[in-house]
């Protein structure tokens, strides 16, 4: 029966791979030998259960073998993967990078960032591995990829920034072992050839611009446009065109500035500097303009110093600002401005006869500003001389401020103390005039405090508006002597009260005169009003009344004479009624 299974088994087997079939045949052969050579005790019984079909056992065996093979393959693959794992390397620490595998790992890690510097670092790290290196075949695709990155970066650098040195530096990172090395070297030779042509063209253009040969310079623009490299064909064409335009404009500005400065004078020199300062500093015209700028600036600075000595500080500052338009003289011009502004501040502290806290602050600021001038400044000596003078101002300014604080108290004794304090400022001191002005002011204030009671009493006496009261008020006010501070105010009130007194004396006389005039006694009215003497308060009013009355008397006299004439004519007409006609007699 086993022989029948062996004979019939292979007819029902599914096709198997050749290696597996050999293994199966060997196992089956060994198994049959064991059965055939067995002892009778091991013989199968006469009645046996039906055996499974041979195809099922072969299928199970095949599945088992395939499972074992797959497991073995997986185990072998896992083993290879484990032994090829990259080492646990800290690429930041060079001491831990001890194997080529670690270097490759660090190179790949760095290049994966995509940053150009990291890619170049990766090339430098593993690009030098030669063909006999164990990892050469594995690293070559990476080196090629990174080399293309370096070459493209060099091309971009040359096109964008026009830096051949930078481009060469980038290409130098491509190793000799790289497949891109030959292409990179050939490309560099092409770039260098065109670069030399471009530099020669630009040199010719620069020489032409210096000579103001605009035609030759313009031809170089066309020559650059014929080059293949975009740096020369695009960027440098635009740059040279712009430079030609700037140079021509600069030459026009320089000619205008020179023509403006020829007549001389601070205004014209300042205007010439403003015009020349518009010239671009990168032009050749600016180089030729610089001697003019220096000469004009020096003239303005000399004029500014003269204005400083003449105390025309606003003009000195304006001249310094004009000279500062020249960068070569900006430092000296700023020093002139500082020393002039410092003197202005110091003068502001002396502009008023009263002292104030801000005067002290202003004077300190002036000293600080003047001390900013370095020892090599042409204005250092005059600045230090001014500072020394201002220090003497400060020595007595505090004394005057103290005296003024005391003098603000409206008390005679306090003011006298302030006068004594201010009087201590010695003669010849810069604050002497200010001190004497304060002393004079305080002395007048003392006189006002002393004489004010007399004037108040006079007002009280005059308030009653009586003859005796006004006389007493005038007498009291006249007690304030001529040199005293309230003398003027007192005399003003004396004049007012005298006028009121005269009105009280002369008003009855004028009223009587008007009463007589109303009664028709004009002559008596005139005689009565004439008693008001010139210089008295009612004199003008009396004089006007007298003039009116005199006019009335004259008018009455004229009317009387006219009436007499009319009467005489009437009587004559009655005596000779018919008068002869001269024409009839003829």
Protein backbone atom coordinates (compact mmCIF):
# COMPACT_ATOMS: atom_id res chain seq x y z
CA UNK A 1 0.00 0.00 0.00
CA UNK A 2 2.93 2.52 0.85
CA UNK A 3 4.45 1.50 -2.49
CA UNK A 4 1.18 2.28 -4.19
CA UNK A 5 1.16 5.66 -2.32
CA UNK A 6 4.70 6.34 -3.42
CA UNK A 7 3.73 5.38 -7.02
CA UNK A 8 0.55 7.34 -7.02
CA UNK A 9 1.80 10.23 -4.83
CA UNK A 10 3.98 11.99 -7.33
CA UNK A 11 1.24 11.92 -9.96
CA UNK A 12 -0.96 14.09 -7.73
CA UNK A 13 1.76 16.52 -6.48
CA UNK A 14 1.66 20.13 -7.45
CA UNK A 15 4.77 21.46 -9.12
CA UNK A 16 7.43 22.52 -6.64
CA UNK A 17 10.65 24.39 -6.90
CA UNK A 18 13.62 22.28 -7.85
CA UNK A 19 15.45 22.64 -4.51
CA UNK A 20 12.42 21.86 -2.44
CA UNK A 21 11.62 18.79 -4.61
CA UNK A 22 15.06 17.33 -3.99
CA UNK A 23 14.64 17.72 -0.25
CA UNK A 24 11.21 16.11 -0.34
CA UNK A 25 12.46 13.15 -2.39
CA UNK A 26 15.30 12.50 0.04
CA UNK A 27 13.03 12.54 3.05
CA UNK A 28 10.58 10.17 1.35
CA UNK A 29 13.35 7.75 0.39
CA UNK A 30 14.72 7.59 3.89
CA UNK A 31 11.29 7.05 5.27
CA UNK A 32 10.57 4.13 2.86
CA UNK A 33 13.85 2.46 3.75
CA UNK A 34 13.01 2.51 7.38
CA UNK A 35 9.61 0.95 6.71
CA UNK A 36 10.95 -1.71 4.37
CA UNK A 37 13.72 -2.78 6.74
CA UNK A 38 11.61 -2.92 9.85
CA UNK A 39 11.22 -5.99 12.01
CA UNK A 40 8.10 -8.24 11.91
CA UNK A 41 7.09 -6.94 15.32
CA UNK A 42 6.68 -3.58 13.82
CA UNK A 43 4.62 -4.89 10.96
CA UNK A 44 1.39 -3.16 10.35
CA UNK A 45 -1.75 -4.92 11.52
CA UNK A 46 -3.93 -6.66 9.05
CA UNK A 47 -6.69 -4.13 9.57
CA UNK A 48 -5.53 -0.50 9.31
CA UNK A 49 -7.43 2.73 9.31
CA UNK A 50 -7.58 4.46 6.02
CA UNK A 51 -4.44 6.55 5.50
CA UNK A 52 -4.77 10.23 4.44
CA UNK A 53 -4.18 11.03 0.92
CA UNK A 54 -0.57 11.53 -0.02
CA UNK A 55 -1.21 15.01 -1.49
CA UNK A 56 -2.26 16.40 1.91
CA UNK A 57 0.92 15.29 3.69
CA UNK A 58 3.09 16.74 0.95
CA UNK A 59 1.22 20.01 1.15
CA UNK A 60 1.68 20.21 4.91
CA UNK A 61 5.33 19.39 4.59
CA UNK A 62 5.82 22.02 1.93
CA UNK A 63 4.08 24.64 4.01
CA UNK A 64 6.29 23.78 6.98
CA UNK A 65 9.42 24.02 4.90
CA UNK A 66 8.38 27.31 3.35
CA UNK A 67 7.57 28.73 6.78
CA UNK A 68 10.97 27.71 8.08
CA UNK A 69 12.67 29.26 5.04
CA UNK A 70 10.77 32.52 5.42
CA UNK A 71 11.59 32.70 9.11
CA UNK A 72 15.24 31.99 8.39
CA UNK A 73 15.34 34.68 5.69
CA UNK A 74 13.70 37.20 7.99
CA UNK A 75 16.17 36.39 10.73
CA UNK A 76 19.09 36.74 8.34
CA UNK A 77 17.77 40.06 7.03
CA UNK A 78 17.28 41.34 10.55
CA UNK A 79 20.83 40.33 11.35
CA UNK A 80 22.17 42.22 8.35
CA UNK A 81 20.06 45.26 9.25
CA UNK A 82 21.34 45.19 12.82
CA UNK A 83 24.99 44.97 11.84
CA UNK A 84 24.52 47.81 9.33
CA UNK A 85 22.75 50.22 11.70
CA UNK A 86 24.51 53.61 11.85
CA UNK A 87 26.36 54.12 15.08
CA UNK A 88 24.83 56.30 17.76
CA UNK A 89 27.04 59.24 16.90
CA UNK A 90 26.86 62.82 18.21
CA UNK A 91 27.84 64.78 15.10
CA UNK A 92 28.21 67.94 17.16
CA UNK A 93 31.10 66.31 19.00
CA UNK A 94 33.96 65.53 16.61
CA UNK A 95 35.53 63.19 19.16
CA UNK A 96 32.62 60.76 18.79
CA UNK A 97 32.96 60.56 14.97
CA UNK A 98 35.58 57.81 14.92
CA UNK A 99 34.54 55.59 11.98
CA UNK A 100 33.87 56.10 8.29
CA UNK A 101 30.32 54.91 8.81
CA UNK A 102 29.86 57.61 11.44
CA UNK A 103 31.29 60.21 9.05
CA UNK A 104 28.85 59.15 6.34
CA UNK A 105 25.99 59.29 8.80
CA UNK A 106 26.96 62.82 9.88
CA UNK A 107 27.38 63.92 6.26
CA UNK A 108 23.91 62.66 5.33
CA UNK A 109 22.42 64.25 8.44
CA UNK A 110 23.98 67.61 7.64
CA UNK A 111 23.04 67.57 3.96
CA UNK A 112 19.45 66.65 4.74
CA UNK A 113 18.88 70.18 6.07
CA UNK A 114 19.17 71.54 2.53
CA UNK A 115 21.39 74.42 3.64
CA UNK A 116 24.29 75.12 1.29
CA UNK A 117 26.82 75.30 4.09
CA UNK A 118 25.71 71.89 5.35
CA UNK A 119 25.92 70.36 1.86
CA UNK A 120 29.44 71.73 1.41
CA UNK A 121 30.41 70.39 4.81
CA UNK A 122 29.11 66.96 3.79
CA UNK A 123 31.18 67.10 0.59
CA UNK A 124 34.29 68.03 2.53
CA UNK A 125 33.68 65.19 4.97
CA UNK A 126 33.24 62.23 2.60
CA UNK A 127 34.01 63.56 -0.88
CA UNK A 128 37.66 62.60 -0.71
CA UNK A 129 37.04 58.85 -0.38
CA UNK A 130 38.79 57.11 -3.29
CA UNK A 131 37.68 54.05 -5.22
CA UNK A 132 39.37 51.60 -2.87
CA UNK A 133 37.38 52.86 0.09
CA UNK A 134 34.82 50.31 1.41
CA UNK A 135 32.01 52.86 1.31
CA UNK A 136 33.01 54.47 -2.00
CA UNK A 137 30.21 52.88 -4.03
CA UNK A 138 27.62 53.78 -1.40
CA UNK A 139 28.72 57.39 -1.10
CA UNK A 140 29.23 58.21 -4.79
CA UNK A 141 25.54 58.95 -5.60
CA UNK A 142 25.43 61.32 -2.67
CA UNK A 143 28.68 63.02 -3.69
CA UNK A 144 27.35 63.51 -7.21
CA UNK A 145 24.10 64.99 -5.91
CA UNK A 146 25.88 67.33 -3.54
CA UNK A 147 28.40 68.33 -6.21
CA UNK A 148 25.60 69.48 -8.48
CA UNK A 149 24.26 71.56 -5.60
CA UNK A 150 27.66 73.24 -5.18
CA UNK A 151 27.99 73.90 -8.92
CA UNK A 152 24.48 75.40 -9.15
CA UNK A 153 25.23 77.56 -6.12
CA UNK A 154 28.42 78.82 -7.77
CA UNK A 155 26.49 79.69 -10.91
CA UNK A 156 23.86 81.50 -8.86
CA UNK A 157 26.56 83.41 -6.95
CA UNK A 158 28.21 84.50 -10.18
CA UNK A 159 24.93 85.55 -11.76
CA UNK A 160 23.48 87.33 -8.73
CA UNK A 161 26.44 88.84 -6.90
CA UNK A 162 29.10 88.76 -9.59
CA UNK A 163 31.71 87.24 -7.29
CA UNK A 164 34.09 85.01 -9.22
CA UNK A 165 36.15 84.36 -6.10
CA UNK A 166 33.06 83.13 -4.25
CA UNK A 167 32.07 80.95 -7.20
CA UNK A 168 35.56 79.43 -7.34
CA UNK A 169 35.40 78.79 -3.62
CA UNK A 170 32.12 76.92 -4.01
CA UNK A 171 33.40 74.82 -6.91
CA UNK A 172 36.55 73.97 -4.96
CA UNK A 173 34.40 71.86 -2.62
CA UNK A 174 33.67 69.42 -5.47
CA UNK A 175 36.16 66.52 -4.99
CA UNK A 176 38.22 64.99 -7.78
CA UNK A 177 36.42 61.66 -7.24
CA UNK A 178 33.04 63.27 -8.00
CA UNK A 179 31.46 62.51 -11.38
CA UNK A 180 30.70 66.23 -11.63
CA UNK A 181 34.35 67.30 -11.18
CA UNK A 182 35.23 67.42 -14.89
CA UNK A 183 32.04 69.31 -15.74
CA UNK A 184 32.71 71.77 -12.93
CA UNK A 185 36.27 72.46 -14.09
CA UNK A 186 35.17 72.97 -17.67
CA UNK A 187 32.40 75.30 -16.53
CA UNK A 188 34.85 77.28 -14.41
CA UNK A 189 37.17 77.72 -17.38
CA UNK A 190 34.29 79.06 -19.45
CA UNK A 191 33.27 81.43 -16.68
CA UNK A 192 36.83 82.62 -16.18
CA UNK A 193 37.30 83.31 -19.88
CA UNK A 194 34.16 85.43 -20.08
CA UNK A 195 34.99 86.99 -16.74
CA UNK A 196 38.34 88.17 -18.07
CA UNK A 197 36.61 89.64 -21.12
CA UNK A 198 34.06 91.41 -18.96
CA UNK A 199 36.71 92.85 -16.67
CA UNK A 200 38.70 94.12 -19.66
CA UNK A 201 35.60 95.82 -21.07
CA UNK A 202 34.78 97.38 -17.71
CA UNK A 203 38.37 98.63 -17.35
CA UNK A 204 38.11 100.34 -20.74
CA UNK A 205 34.80 101.88 -19.69
CA UNK A 206 36.22 103.19 -16.41
CA UNK A 207 39.15 104.83 -18.21
CA UNK A 208 36.73 106.48 -20.63
CA UNK A 209 34.57 107.76 -17.77
CA UNK A 210 37.57 109.32 -16.06
CA UNK A 211 38.38 111.15 -19.31
CA UNK A 212 34.71 112.09 -19.83
CA UNK A 213 34.77 110.13 -23.11
CA UNK A 214 31.07 109.35 -23.09
CA UNK A 215 31.09 107.77 -26.58
CA UNK A 216 33.72 105.15 -25.75
CA UNK A 217 32.00 104.38 -22.46
CA UNK A 218 28.69 103.84 -24.25
CA UNK A 219 30.33 101.42 -26.71
CA UNK A 220 31.45 99.27 -23.81
CA UNK A 221 27.81 98.82 -22.83
CA UNK A 222 27.19 97.19 -26.21
CA UNK A 223 30.29 95.03 -25.79
CA UNK A 224 29.06 93.76 -22.43
CA UNK A 225 25.68 92.93 -23.94
CA UNK A 226 27.39 90.50 -26.36
CA UNK A 227 28.75 88.29 -23.56
CA UNK A 228 26.96 85.08 -22.64
CA UNK A 229 27.27 85.31 -18.87
CA UNK A 230 24.14 86.94 -17.46
CA UNK A 231 26.21 88.76 -14.87
CA UNK A 232 27.88 90.83 -17.58
CA UNK A 233 25.03 90.77 -20.08
CA UNK A 234 22.36 91.93 -17.63
CA UNK A 235 23.64 93.16 -14.28
CA UNK A 236 26.81 94.87 -15.47
CA UNK A 237 25.13 96.39 -18.53
CA UNK A 238 22.59 98.02 -16.22
CA UNK A 239 25.31 99.03 -13.77
CA UNK A 240 27.53 100.62 -16.43
CA UNK A 241 24.57 102.44 -17.98
CA UNK A 242 23.65 103.80 -14.57
CA UNK A 243 27.26 104.79 -13.90
CA UNK A 244 27.53 106.72 -17.18
CA UNK A 245 24.35 108.62 -16.32
CA UNK A 246 25.60 109.38 -12.80
CA UNK A 247 28.98 110.56 -14.07
CA UNK A 248 27.41 112.96 -16.56
CA UNK A 249 25.07 114.36 -13.93
CA UNK A 250 27.97 114.69 -11.52
CA UNK A 251 30.02 116.63 -14.07
CA UNK A 252 27.12 119.01 -14.63
CA UNK A 253 26.74 119.59 -10.88
CA UNK A 254 30.48 120.21 -10.50
CA UNK A 255 30.49 122.78 -13.31
CA UNK A 256 27.48 124.52 -11.76
CA UNK A 257 29.10 124.58 -8.31
CA UNK A 258 32.37 126.03 -9.63
CA UNK A 259 30.52 128.74 -11.55
CA UNK A 260 28.54 129.64 -8.42
CA UNK A 261 31.64 129.93 -6.24
CA UNK A 262 33.72 132.06 -8.62
CA UNK A 263 32.40 135.51 -7.48
CA UNK A 264 33.14 134.61 -3.84
CA UNK A 265 31.23 135.51 -0.69
CA UNK A 266 29.83 133.31 2.05
CA UNK A 267 26.42 132.98 0.43
CA UNK A 268 27.83 131.86 -2.91
CA UNK A 269 30.34 129.52 -1.29
CA UNK A 270 27.58 127.94 0.76
CA UNK A 271 25.41 127.55 -2.33
CA UNK A 272 28.33 125.99 -4.23
CA UNK A 273 28.89 123.52 -1.40
CA UNK A 274 25.22 122.57 -1.35
CA UNK A 275 25.33 121.93 -5.09
CA UNK A 276 28.59 119.96 -4.98
CA UNK A 277 27.41 117.88 -2.04
CA UNK A 278 24.76 116.39 -4.34
CA UNK A 279 27.51 114.70 -6.39
CA UNK A 280 27.49 110.95 -5.80
CA UNK A 281 30.51 109.94 -3.73
CA UNK A 282 31.11 106.88 -5.94
CA UNK A 283 31.71 108.95 -9.08
CA UNK A 284 35.03 110.06 -10.54
CA UNK A 285 33.66 113.60 -10.62
CA UNK A 286 33.46 113.54 -6.83
CA UNK A 287 37.18 112.80 -6.66
CA UNK A 288 37.91 115.85 -8.80
CA UNK A 289 35.39 117.94 -6.85
CA UNK A 290 36.92 117.17 -3.46
CA UNK A 291 39.71 119.82 -3.66
CA UNK A 292 37.06 122.44 -4.45
CA UNK A 293 34.94 121.27 -1.53
CA UNK A 294 37.89 121.46 0.85
CA UNK A 295 38.88 124.95 -0.27
CA UNK A 296 35.34 126.33 -0.05
CA UNK A 297 34.78 124.73 3.35
CA UNK A 298 38.01 126.21 4.72
CA UNK A 299 36.94 129.68 3.59
CA UNK A 300 33.55 129.27 5.27
CA UNK A 301 35.15 128.03 8.49
CA UNK A 302 37.50 131.04 8.53
CA UNK A 303 34.53 133.38 8.07
CA UNK A 304 32.67 131.49 10.79
CA UNK A 305 35.53 131.99 13.23
CA UNK A 306 35.56 135.72 12.47
CA UNK A 307 31.82 135.85 13.15
CA UNK A 308 32.40 134.07 16.46
CA UNK A 309 34.89 136.69 17.57
CA UNK A 310 32.41 139.39 16.50
CA UNK A 311 29.71 137.69 18.63
CA UNK A 312 27.58 137.12 15.51
CA UNK A 313 26.92 133.59 16.67
CA UNK A 314 23.90 132.87 14.46
CA UNK A 315 26.02 133.62 11.40
CA UNK A 316 28.88 131.47 12.75
CA UNK A 317 26.52 128.52 13.24
CA UNK A 318 25.05 128.94 9.75
CA UNK A 319 28.53 129.00 8.19
CA UNK A 320 29.51 125.91 10.16
CA UNK A 321 26.46 124.04 8.91
CA UNK A 322 27.31 124.96 5.33
CA UNK A 323 30.90 123.77 5.76
CA UNK A 324 29.64 120.51 7.30
CA UNK A 325 28.23 119.51 3.90
CA UNK A 326 31.79 118.50 3.05
CA UNK A 327 32.49 115.18 4.83
CA UNK A 328 36.20 116.03 5.00
CA UNK A 329 35.42 119.11 7.09
CA UNK A 330 32.33 117.86 8.91
CA UNK A 331 34.22 117.28 12.18
CA UNK A 332 35.81 120.75 12.29
CA UNK A 333 32.52 122.35 11.22
CA UNK A 334 30.69 120.58 14.04
CA UNK A 335 33.26 121.89 16.50
CA UNK A 336 32.63 125.45 15.29
CA UNK A 337 28.90 124.89 15.75
CA UNK A 338 29.45 123.56 19.29
CA UNK A 339 31.64 126.44 20.44
CA UNK A 340 29.18 128.96 18.94
CA UNK A 341 26.15 127.31 20.52
CA UNK A 342 27.95 127.17 23.86
CA UNK A 343 28.62 130.89 23.73
CA UNK A 344 24.99 131.52 22.83
CA UNK A 345 23.88 129.61 25.91
CA UNK A 346 26.27 131.56 28.11
CA UNK A 347 24.96 134.84 26.74
CA UNK A 348 21.39 133.77 27.40
CA UNK A 349 22.25 133.46 31.09
CA UNK A 350 23.14 137.18 31.09
CA UNK A 351 20.25 138.54 29.05
CA UNK A 352 18.11 139.54 32.06
CA UNK A 353 19.11 141.57 35.09
CA UNK A 354 17.32 139.10 37.35
CA UNK A 355 18.84 135.72 38.07
CA UNK A 356 16.93 132.46 37.67
CA UNK A 357 17.71 128.77 38.31
CA UNK A 358 17.62 128.03 34.59
CA UNK A 359 20.47 130.50 34.08
CA UNK A 360 22.70 128.26 36.17
CA UNK A 361 21.58 125.20 34.18
CA UNK A 362 22.14 127.02 30.88
CA UNK A 363 25.64 128.05 31.91
CA UNK A 364 26.51 124.49 32.93
CA UNK A 365 25.24 123.24 29.57
CA UNK A 366 27.39 125.80 27.79
CA UNK A 367 30.47 124.60 29.66
CA UNK A 368 29.72 120.95 28.91
CA UNK A 369 29.22 121.69 25.22
CA UNK A 370 32.47 123.66 24.97
CA UNK A 371 34.36 120.88 26.74
CA UNK A 372 33.33 118.43 24.02
CA UNK A 373 35.95 119.93 21.73
CA UNK A 374 39.08 117.73 21.53
CA UNK A 375 42.52 119.14 22.18
CA UNK A 376 43.43 118.99 18.48
CA UNK A 377 40.49 121.19 17.49
CA UNK A 378 41.39 124.57 15.96
CA UNK A 379 38.79 126.10 18.30
CA UNK A 380 40.03 124.38 21.44
CA UNK A 381 41.88 127.44 22.79
CA UNK A 382 38.93 129.81 22.47
CA UNK A 383 36.59 127.17 23.89
CA UNK A 384 38.75 126.71 26.98
CA UNK A 385 39.12 130.47 27.40
CA UNK A 386 35.34 130.78 27.33
CA UNK A 387 34.96 127.96 29.84
CA UNK A 388 37.36 129.72 32.23
CA UNK A 389 35.31 132.91 31.94
CA UNK A 390 32.09 131.06 32.56
CA UNK A 391 33.55 129.48 35.68
CA UNK A 392 34.04 132.97 37.10
CA UNK A 393 30.39 133.64 36.25
CA UNK A 394 29.38 130.59 38.22
CA UNK A 395 31.41 131.66 41.24
CA UNK A 396 29.11 134.66 41.88
CA UNK A 397 25.91 133.47 40.23
CA UNK A 398 24.99 131.40 43.27
CA UNK A 399 25.58 134.42 45.51
CA UNK A 400 23.27 136.56 43.39
CA UNK A 401 20.58 133.90 43.31
CA UNK A 402 20.70 133.69 47.11
CA UNK A 403 20.49 137.47 47.39
CA UNK A 404 17.56 137.57 44.99
CA UNK A 405 15.72 134.91 46.98
CA UNK A 406 16.13 137.04 50.12
CA UNK A 407 15.20 140.22 48.25
CA UNK A 408 11.86 138.78 47.17
CA UNK A 409 10.66 139.09 50.77
CA UNK A 410 8.82 142.42 51.01
CA UNK A 411 10.59 143.50 54.16
CA UNK A 412 13.03 146.41 54.49
CA UNK A 413 15.53 144.51 56.63
CA UNK A 414 15.50 141.47 54.32
CA UNK A 415 16.02 143.65 51.25
CA UNK A 416 18.95 145.41 52.92
CA UNK A 417 20.53 142.01 53.54
CA UNK A 418 20.10 141.19 49.84
CA UNK A 419 21.71 144.53 48.91
CA UNK A 420 24.70 143.80 51.11
CA UNK A 421 25.06 140.31 49.59
CA UNK A 422 24.94 141.56 45.99
CA UNK A 423 27.36 144.40 46.75
CA UNK A 424 30.06 141.81 47.49
CA UNK A 425 30.47 141.02 43.79
CA UNK A 426 33.82 142.68 43.03
CA UNK A 427 34.45 145.23 40.33
CA UNK A 428 35.62 143.72 37.07
CA UNK A 429 33.65 140.54 37.64
CA UNK A 430 31.39 139.56 34.69
CA UNK A 431 28.39 139.59 37.05
CA UNK A 432 29.20 143.03 38.49
CA UNK A 433 26.76 144.89 36.23
CA UNK A 434 23.99 142.42 37.01
CA UNK A 435 24.73 142.73 40.73
CA UNK A 436 24.61 146.54 40.62
CA UNK A 437 21.36 146.42 38.69
CA UNK A 438 19.85 144.26 41.41
CA UNK A 439 21.20 146.60 44.11
CA UNK A 440 19.60 149.62 42.42
CA UNK A 441 16.31 147.76 42.10
CA UNK A 442 16.31 146.74 45.76
CA UNK A 443 17.18 150.26 46.93
CA UNK A 444 14.17 151.58 45.07
CA UNK A 445 12.12 148.83 46.64
CA UNK A 446 13.27 149.99 50.10
CA UNK A 447 12.24 153.57 49.24
CA UNK A 448 8.84 152.34 48.09
CA UNK A 449 8.32 150.47 51.34
CA UNK A 450 9.42 153.54 53.35
CA UNK A 451 7.34 156.15 51.45
CA UNK A 452 4.20 154.13 50.76
CA UNK A 453 2.65 155.06 54.15
CA UNK A 454 2.91 158.80 53.28
CA UNK A 455 1.10 158.27 50.02
CA UNK A 456 -1.57 156.16 51.69
CA UNK A 457 -2.12 158.94 54.29
CA UNK A 458 -2.40 161.55 51.54
CA UNK A 459 -5.12 159.51 49.85
CA UNK A 460 -7.01 159.28 53.11
CA UNK A 461 -6.88 163.10 53.52
CA UNK A 462 -7.99 163.75 49.94
CA UNK A 463 -10.88 161.32 50.18
CA UNK A 464 -13.09 163.91 51.93
CA UNK A 465 -12.84 166.28 48.92
CA UNK A 466 -12.65 169.35 51.18
CA UNK A 467 -10.46 172.40 50.74
CA UNK A 468 -8.52 171.70 53.90
CA UNK A 469 -8.26 167.97 53.16
CA UNK A 470 -6.87 168.53 49.69
CA UNK A 471 -4.32 171.02 50.97
CA UNK A 472 -3.20 168.55 53.64
CA UNK A 473 -3.01 165.72 51.08
CA UNK A 474 -0.84 167.85 48.79
CA UNK A 475 1.45 168.78 51.65
CA UNK A 476 1.79 165.13 52.73
CA UNK A 477 2.55 163.89 49.21
CA UNK A 478 5.14 166.61 48.69
CA UNK A 479 7.05 165.17 51.63
CA UNK A 480 8.29 162.41 49.29
CA UNK A 481 11.52 163.94 48.01
CA UNK A 482 12.63 164.09 44.39
CA UNK A 483 15.17 161.21 44.22
CA UNK A 484 12.81 158.76 45.93
CA UNK A 485 11.18 155.90 44.01
CA UNK A 486 7.58 157.05 44.69
CA UNK A 487 8.27 160.70 43.84
CA UNK A 488 6.72 160.39 40.39
CA UNK A 489 3.58 158.69 41.64
CA UNK A 490 3.25 161.21 44.47
CA UNK A 491 3.56 164.17 42.11
CA UNK A 492 0.90 162.70 39.85
CA UNK A 493 -1.53 162.71 42.75
CA UNK A 494 -0.40 166.21 43.78
CA UNK A 495 -1.29 167.43 40.29
CA UNK A 496 -4.74 165.79 40.51
CA UNK A 497 -5.47 167.16 43.96
CA UNK A 498 -4.19 170.65 43.01
CA UNK A 499 -6.54 170.65 40.06
CA UNK A 500 -9.44 169.68 42.28
CA UNK A 501 -8.46 172.44 44.74
CA UNK A 502 -8.32 175.08 41.98
CA UNK A 503 -11.72 173.99 40.73
CA UNK A 504 -13.11 174.42 44.20
CA UNK A 505 -11.60 177.96 44.34
CA UNK A 506 -12.48 179.19 40.83
CA UNK A 507 -15.83 177.53 40.16
CA UNK A 508 -17.85 180.13 42.20
CA UNK A 509 -16.13 182.98 40.31
CA UNK A 510 -17.00 181.47 36.93
CA UNK A 511 -20.55 180.81 38.03
CA UNK A 512 -21.01 184.49 39.04
CA UNK A 513 -19.65 185.60 35.67
CA UNK A 514 -22.15 183.42 33.85
CA UNK A 515 -24.95 184.75 36.02
CA UNK A 516 -24.03 188.35 35.09
CA UNK A 517 -23.86 187.38 31.43
CA UNK A 518 -27.30 185.85 31.65
CA UNK A 519 -28.57 189.20 33.00
CA UNK A 520 -27.01 191.01 30.03
CA UNK A 521 -24.07 192.44 31.97
CA UNK A 522 -21.53 191.04 29.59
CA UNK A 523 -18.78 193.50 30.45
CA UNK A 524 -19.10 192.77 34.15
CA UNK A 525 -19.20 189.02 33.37
CA UNK A 526 -15.96 189.34 31.41
CA UNK A 527 -14.32 191.29 34.20
CA UNK A 528 -15.44 188.68 36.74
CA UNK A 529 -14.21 185.70 34.67
CA UNK A 530 -10.90 187.39 33.97
CA UNK A 531 -10.05 186.87 37.61
CA UNK A 532 -9.19 183.20 36.82
CA UNK A 533 -5.46 183.31 36.08
CA UNK A 534 -3.62 181.35 33.38
CA UNK A 535 -2.33 177.96 34.48
CA UNK A 536 -5.29 177.20 36.68
CA UNK A 537 -7.61 174.31 35.99
CA UNK A 538 -10.65 176.39 34.92
CA UNK A 539 -8.66 178.94 32.94
CA UNK A 540 -9.44 177.39 29.54
CA UNK A 541 -13.12 177.13 30.39
CA UNK A 542 -13.21 180.77 31.56
CA UNK A 543 -11.30 181.91 28.49
CA UNK A 544 -13.82 180.20 26.22
CA UNK A 545 -16.72 181.86 28.07
CA UNK A 546 -15.06 185.29 27.84
CA UNK A 547 -14.54 184.83 24.09
CA UNK A 548 -18.22 184.07 23.65
CA UNK A 549 -19.29 187.09 25.59
CA UNK A 550 -16.89 189.35 23.68
CA UNK A 551 -18.37 188.06 20.42
CA UNK A 552 -21.87 188.93 21.65
CA UNK A 553 -20.73 192.49 22.54
CA UNK A 554 -19.11 192.92 19.12
CA UNK A 555 -22.21 191.62 17.36
CA UNK A 556 -24.41 194.06 19.27
CA UNK A 557 -22.09 196.94 18.36
CA UNK A 558 -22.18 196.02 14.69
CA UNK A 559 -25.96 195.88 14.75
CA UNK A 560 -26.11 199.33 16.39
CA UNK A 561 -23.83 200.88 13.73
CA UNK A 562 -25.80 199.29 10.92
CA UNK A 563 -29.02 200.73 12.35
CA UNK A 564 -27.48 204.21 12.52
CA UNK A 565 -26.39 204.01 8.89
CA UNK A 566 -29.83 202.96 7.79
CA UNK A 567 -31.38 205.81 9.74
CA UNK A 568 -29.05 208.37 8.16
CA UNK A 569 -29.84 207.08 4.68
CA UNK A 570 -33.52 207.29 5.35
CA UNK A 571 -33.29 210.92 6.47
CA UNK A 572 -31.25 211.84 3.41
CA UNK A 573 -33.85 210.35 1.12
CA UNK A 574 -36.60 212.43 2.74
CA UNK A 575 -34.65 215.68 2.32
CA UNK A 576 -34.03 215.18 -1.46
CA UNK A 577 -36.95 213.08 -2.78
CA UNK A 578 -36.13 213.37 -6.63
CA UNK A 579 -32.63 212.84 -7.69
CA UNK A 580 -31.55 214.11 -11.20
CA UNK A 581 -30.96 211.55 -13.98
CA UNK A 582 -27.49 211.96 -15.44
CA UNK A 583 -28.46 210.43 -18.86
CA UNK A 584 -31.37 212.76 -19.40
CA UNK A 585 -29.12 215.72 -18.90
CA UNK A 586 -26.82 214.48 -21.60
